[in-house]
Amino acid sequence: MKFNTDFILTNKFSKIKAHPFHLVDRSPWPFLASFGALYLTFGGAMYMHSYLNGGYFLTFGLLLVIAISWMWWRDVVREGTFQGHHTKAVKKGLRMGMALFILSEACLFLAFFWAFFHSALAPSIYIGAIWPPVGVQLFNPLEVPLLNTIILLSSGVTVTWAHYAIYIPTKKYTFECKVALFLTILLGLIFTFFQGVEYLEAPFSINTGIYGSLFFVTTGFHGLHVIIGTLFLIVNFVRLLKNHFTYQDHLGFEFAIWYWHFVDVIWIFVYLFLYSHLFLYPVIA
């Protein structure tokens, strides 16, 4: 007879819970995380406007957010891996939460693309009624942007390889999972490096009117998501080395893969619209 640990009925004298849900303990991390995010925002604004000690505020806010994220993540790993709080009902809720989070991120990029097409399909007279504006030198889509596209799509292949390998409970495929995940992390770091080089050599800046603002905000936010996704994968790589995952239970790893595929898909649209200007040639002409 199979013993169901997800739903246990007990009497009032027992400490075993009578429901499958996880009622989390009191935690300081939500309050401290919001404080750290506020500090980081103010520090970034001060730094970008050249206020005195703005860099120190920015650095402190960033370190605070990283430290709190680390400790919060540690608590979640402990609850799910060692304390067994992530039952089937909890996992269902976590999956729904992750799906809604990715949907909200998609809406964020939808706003950026909406602004881009609003400006590109009906250029204002203030920018010469042409898109891109007069004087803006575009990137060659067949150089670094194409290379980054190949790198990021290749990382999607390697992370899928890792996802496939974790479902086979043998030492051979466990090793393959580690190798594939390491390659994914390496490709993510290479992508970030090339994007940084591209920014340094850009023929325009974020101050170059509406085009510069849209380009750097959209690609910058995507680059930030790549960095976050890479950190997500690194954490899961460390957990994989510590044998936190099994072929039946690897929810955190699965979420990292979801997020990375989302980053891949968004980049395809970024490349087609912001770099190659696909569908906008009549406007450019």
Protein backbone atom coordinates (compact mmCIF):
# COMPACT_ATOMS: atom_id res chain seq x y z
CA MET A 1 0.00 0.00 0.00
CA LYS A 2 1.43 3.36 -1.06
CA PHE A 3 1.84 5.90 1.73
CA ASN A 4 0.72 9.36 0.68
CA THR A 5 2.88 12.00 2.35
CA ASP A 6 1.11 14.87 0.62
CA PHE A 7 -2.06 14.68 2.69
CA ILE A 8 -1.96 13.40 6.24
CA LEU A 9 -4.93 13.52 8.64
CA THR A 10 -3.97 13.57 12.26
CA ASN A 11 -5.31 14.51 15.70
CA LYS A 12 -4.85 17.81 17.47
CA PHE A 13 -1.97 16.53 19.60
CA SER A 14 0.25 15.68 16.62
CA LYS A 15 2.65 18.13 15.04
CA ILE A 16 2.17 16.60 11.58
CA LYS A 17 0.20 18.97 9.38
CA ALA A 18 -3.22 17.92 8.09
CA HIS A 19 -2.91 19.53 4.66
CA PRO A 20 -0.52 19.31 1.70
CA PHE A 21 0.45 23.00 1.69
CA HIS A 22 3.55 24.68 3.06
CA LEU A 23 2.90 27.48 5.52
CA VAL A 24 6.24 29.23 5.52
CA ASP A 25 7.88 30.45 8.69
CA ARG A 26 8.37 34.12 9.41
CA SER A 27 11.18 35.50 7.31
CA PRO A 28 12.97 38.88 7.19
CA TRP A 29 13.94 38.45 3.54
CA PRO A 30 10.87 40.02 1.82
CA PHE A 31 11.22 43.26 3.80
CA LEU A 32 15.01 43.38 3.46
CA ALA A 33 14.83 42.54 -0.26
CA SER A 34 12.43 45.44 -0.89
CA PHE A 35 14.72 47.74 1.12
CA GLY A 36 17.74 46.56 -0.87
CA ALA A 37 15.93 47.07 -4.18
CA LEU A 38 14.95 50.60 -3.13
CA TYR A 39 18.53 51.34 -2.09
CA LEU A 40 19.82 49.95 -5.40
CA THR A 41 17.37 52.11 -7.39
CA PHE A 42 18.31 55.29 -5.56
CA GLY A 43 21.98 54.46 -5.87
CA GLY A 44 21.64 53.86 -9.60
CA ALA A 45 19.80 57.15 -10.11
CA MET A 46 22.39 59.04 -8.05
CA TYR A 47 25.26 57.43 -9.96
CA MET A 48 23.78 58.15 -13.39
CA HIS A 49 23.19 61.80 -12.43
CA SER A 50 26.73 62.16 -11.00
CA TYR A 51 25.65 62.81 -7.43
CA LEU A 52 28.30 62.73 -4.71
CA ASN A 53 28.94 59.15 -3.48
CA GLY A 54 26.37 57.80 -5.91
CA GLY A 55 28.70 54.94 -6.82
CA TYR A 56 29.02 53.89 -3.19
CA PHE A 57 25.24 53.85 -2.75
CA LEU A 58 24.88 51.81 -5.94
CA THR A 59 27.53 49.31 -4.89
CA PHE A 60 26.08 48.90 -1.41
CA GLY A 61 22.56 48.40 -2.81
CA LEU A 62 23.80 45.80 -5.30
CA LEU A 63 25.73 43.87 -2.64
CA LEU A 64 22.70 44.01 -0.34
CA VAL A 65 20.40 42.59 -3.02
CA ILE A 66 22.88 39.83 -3.86
CA ALA A 67 23.37 38.85 -0.21
CA ILE A 68 19.63 38.79 0.55
CA SER A 69 18.89 36.85 -2.64
CA TRP A 70 21.53 34.29 -1.70
CA MET A 71 20.14 33.76 1.79
CA TRP A 72 16.53 33.66 0.60
CA TRP A 73 17.42 31.17 -2.10
CA ARG A 74 19.28 29.11 0.52
CA ASP A 75 16.15 28.93 2.67
CA VAL A 76 13.99 27.83 -0.26
CA VAL A 77 16.49 25.11 -1.21
CA ARG A 78 16.56 23.92 2.39
CA GLU A 79 12.76 23.81 2.59
CA GLY A 80 12.36 21.90 -0.65
CA THR A 81 15.38 19.59 -0.64
CA PHE A 82 16.05 18.75 3.00
CA GLN A 83 12.84 19.48 4.89
CA GLY A 84 10.43 18.00 2.34
CA HIS A 85 7.98 20.91 2.35
CA HIS A 86 7.56 20.94 -1.43
CA THR A 87 4.71 18.49 -1.79
CA LYS A 88 2.77 17.94 -5.01
CA ALA A 89 0.34 20.72 -4.13
CA VAL A 90 3.20 23.10 -3.35
CA LYS A 91 4.99 22.21 -6.59
CA LYS A 92 1.82 22.87 -8.55
CA GLY A 93 1.58 26.33 -7.01
CA LEU A 94 5.27 27.00 -7.66
CA ARG A 95 4.88 26.01 -11.31
CA MET A 96 1.91 28.34 -11.67
CA GLY A 97 3.85 31.14 -9.99
CA MET A 98 6.84 30.67 -12.29
CA ALA A 99 4.60 30.60 -15.36
CA LEU A 100 2.91 33.84 -14.28
CA PHE A 101 6.29 35.42 -13.58
CA ILE A 102 7.51 34.58 -17.10
CA LEU A 103 4.23 35.93 -18.49
CA SER A 104 4.80 39.21 -16.65
CA GLU A 105 8.33 39.36 -18.11
CA ALA A 106 6.88 38.79 -21.57
CA CYS A 107 4.51 41.73 -20.99
CA LEU A 108 7.51 43.89 -20.07
CA PHE A 109 9.21 43.17 -23.38
CA LEU A 110 5.91 43.56 -25.20
CA ALA A 111 5.84 47.14 -23.94
CA PHE A 112 9.34 47.74 -25.34
CA PHE A 113 8.42 46.27 -28.72
CA TRP A 114 5.17 48.25 -28.74
CA ALA A 115 7.16 51.47 -28.21
CA PHE A 116 9.58 50.45 -30.96
CA PHE A 117 6.88 49.78 -33.55
CA HIS A 118 4.93 52.87 -32.49
CA SER A 119 8.01 54.98 -33.28
CA ALA A 120 9.12 53.01 -36.33
CA LEU A 121 5.83 52.60 -38.22
CA ALA A 122 4.77 56.23 -37.77
CA PRO A 123 7.97 58.28 -37.36
CA SER A 124 7.47 61.73 -35.89
CA ILE A 125 8.39 64.87 -37.83
CA TYR A 126 10.73 65.71 -34.97
CA ILE A 127 13.04 62.89 -36.08
CA GLY A 128 12.66 63.67 -39.77
CA ALA A 129 9.61 61.43 -40.38
CA ILE A 130 11.96 58.54 -41.12
CA TRP A 131 13.09 55.46 -39.23
CA PRO A 132 15.73 55.09 -38.05
CA PRO A 133 16.27 58.83 -37.44
CA VAL A 134 18.68 60.77 -39.61
CA GLY A 135 22.29 60.44 -38.48
CA VAL A 136 21.89 57.10 -36.67
CA GLN A 137 24.37 54.50 -37.87
CA LEU A 138 22.92 51.01 -37.47
CA PHE A 139 24.69 47.85 -36.37
CA ASN A 140 25.52 45.33 -39.05
CA PRO A 141 23.15 42.44 -38.24
CA LEU A 142 25.54 39.93 -39.83
CA GLU A 143 28.41 40.62 -37.44
CA VAL A 144 28.30 40.51 -33.61
CA PRO A 145 24.46 40.36 -33.43
CA LEU A 146 24.38 37.25 -35.62
CA LEU A 147 27.21 35.69 -33.62
CA ASN A 148 25.34 36.34 -30.38
CA THR A 149 22.20 34.83 -31.91
CA ILE A 150 24.09 31.64 -32.77
CA ILE A 151 25.61 31.54 -29.27
CA LEU A 152 22.29 32.00 -27.47
CA LEU A 153 20.39 29.53 -29.65
CA SER A 154 23.21 27.02 -29.13
CA SER A 155 22.80 27.49 -25.38
CA GLY A 156 19.14 26.60 -25.83
CA VAL A 157 20.24 23.31 -27.40
CA THR A 158 22.68 22.51 -24.59
CA VAL A 159 20.18 23.33 -21.83
CA THR A 160 17.64 21.05 -23.55
CA TRP A 161 20.32 18.36 -23.64
CA ALA A 162 20.81 18.82 -19.89
CA HIS A 163 17.05 18.64 -19.32
CA TYR A 164 16.83 15.40 -21.27
CA ALA A 165 19.83 13.86 -19.48
CA ILE A 166 18.49 14.49 -15.98
CA TYR A 167 15.48 12.26 -16.67
CA ILE A 168 17.70 9.18 -17.12
CA PRO A 169 18.92 7.90 -13.73
CA THR A 170 22.36 6.61 -14.71
CA LYS A 171 25.85 7.89 -13.95
CA LYS A 172 26.53 8.39 -17.66
CA TYR A 173 23.59 10.72 -18.18
CA THR A 174 24.19 12.49 -14.86
CA PHE A 175 27.66 13.34 -16.16
CA GLU A 176 26.17 14.46 -19.48
CA CYS A 177 23.72 16.69 -17.61
CA LYS A 178 26.60 18.38 -15.79
CA VAL A 179 28.58 18.85 -19.01
CA ALA A 180 25.58 20.25 -20.91
CA LEU A 181 24.69 22.63 -18.08
CA PHE A 182 28.29 23.82 -17.84
CA LEU A 183 28.34 24.50 -21.60
CA THR A 184 25.09 26.47 -21.26
CA ILE A 185 26.60 28.64 -18.53
CA LEU A 186 29.74 29.17 -20.60
CA LEU A 187 27.71 30.22 -23.65
CA GLY A 188 25.68 32.63 -21.50
CA LEU A 189 28.89 34.26 -20.23
CA ILE A 190 30.28 34.51 -23.78
CA PHE A 191 27.03 36.14 -24.94
CA THR A 192 27.26 38.71 -22.14
CA PHE A 193 30.90 39.42 -23.00
CA PHE A 194 30.15 40.08 -26.67
CA GLN A 195 27.19 42.27 -25.81
CA GLY A 196 29.44 44.33 -23.54
CA VAL A 197 31.96 44.70 -26.38
CA GLU A 198 29.13 45.73 -28.69
CA TYR A 199 28.02 48.41 -26.25
CA LEU A 200 31.54 49.80 -25.98
CA GLU A 201 31.86 50.02 -29.78
CA ALA A 202 28.31 51.26 -30.45
CA PRO A 203 28.12 54.18 -32.93
CA PHE A 204 25.32 55.77 -30.86
CA SER A 205 24.37 56.01 -27.20
CA ILE A 206 21.23 55.88 -25.06
CA ASN A 207 21.05 59.68 -25.47
CA THR A 208 20.70 59.39 -29.26
CA GLY A 209 17.02 60.25 -29.34
CA ILE A 210 14.17 57.75 -29.31
CA TYR A 211 16.12 55.15 -31.27
CA GLY A 212 19.04 55.05 -28.85
CA SER A 213 16.71 54.93 -25.85
CA LEU A 214 14.64 52.06 -27.24
CA PHE A 215 17.68 50.11 -28.40
CA PHE A 216 19.66 50.26 -25.19
CA VAL A 217 16.68 49.84 -22.86
CA THR A 218 15.43 46.76 -24.74
CA THR A 219 18.80 45.09 -25.29
CA GLY A 220 19.97 46.16 -21.85
CA PHE A 221 16.99 44.58 -20.12
CA HIS A 222 17.49 41.44 -22.18
CA GLY A 223 21.15 41.40 -21.22
CA LEU A 224 20.14 41.74 -17.57
CA HIS A 225 17.83 38.74 -18.00
CA VAL A 226 20.70 36.77 -19.52
CA ILE A 227 22.87 37.59 -16.50
CA ILE A 228 20.07 36.59 -14.09
CA GLY A 229 19.44 33.40 -16.07
CA THR A 230 23.15 32.58 -16.02
CA LEU A 231 23.23 33.01 -12.23
CA PHE A 232 20.11 30.83 -12.03
CA LEU A 233 21.90 28.11 -14.00
CA ILE A 234 25.08 28.44 -11.89
CA VAL A 235 23.09 27.88 -8.70
CA ASN A 236 21.50 24.80 -10.23
CA PHE A 237 24.89 23.57 -11.43
CA VAL A 238 26.21 23.74 -7.87
CA ARG A 239 23.09 21.94 -6.64
CA LEU A 240 23.59 19.30 -9.32
CA LEU A 241 27.15 18.73 -8.08
CA LYS A 242 25.77 18.34 -4.55
CA ASN A 243 23.22 15.74 -5.75
CA HIS A 244 20.18 17.83 -4.84
CA PHE A 245 18.26 16.63 -7.90
CA THR A 246 16.83 13.32 -8.99
CA TYR A 247 15.15 12.34 -12.24
CA GLN A 248 11.81 12.64 -10.42
CA ASP A 249 12.44 15.79 -8.40
CA HIS A 250 14.31 18.71 -10.02
CA LEU A 251 11.86 21.59 -9.89
CA GLY A 252 14.44 24.36 -9.47
CA PHE A 253 16.40 23.07 -12.45
CA GLU A 254 13.22 22.91 -14.50
CA PHE A 255 12.42 26.54 -13.67
CA ALA A 256 15.90 27.62 -14.73
CA ILE A 257 15.35 25.88 -18.06
CA TRP A 258 11.99 27.60 -18.54
CA TYR A 259 13.58 30.96 -17.86
CA TRP A 260 16.48 30.31 -20.23
CA HIS A 261 14.18 29.30 -23.08
CA PHE A 262 12.21 32.49 -22.47
CA VAL A 263 15.44 34.50 -22.80
CA ASP A 264 16.18 32.67 -26.06
CA VAL A 265 12.77 33.42 -27.55
CA ILE A 266 12.91 37.10 -26.59
CA TRP A 267 16.33 37.44 -28.22
CA ILE A 268 14.98 36.13 -31.53
CA PHE A 269 12.50 39.04 -31.59
CA VAL A 270 15.18 41.49 -30.46
CA TYR A 271 17.45 40.39 -33.29
CA LEU A 272 14.72 40.44 -35.95
CA PHE A 273 13.29 43.83 -35.00
CA LEU A 274 16.09 45.89 -33.44
CA TYR A 275 19.09 44.58 -35.35
CA SER A 276 17.92 43.29 -38.73
CA HIS A 277 14.87 45.62 -38.85
CA LEU A 278 12.82 42.87 -40.42
CA PHE A 279 9.33 44.04 -41.53
CA LEU A 280 10.50 47.67 -41.45
CA TYR A 281 12.32 47.97 -44.78
CA PRO A 282 9.50 49.95 -46.44
CA VAL A 283 9.63 52.45 -43.59
CA ILE A 284 13.42 52.70 -43.70
CA ALA A 285 13.35 53.19 -47.45
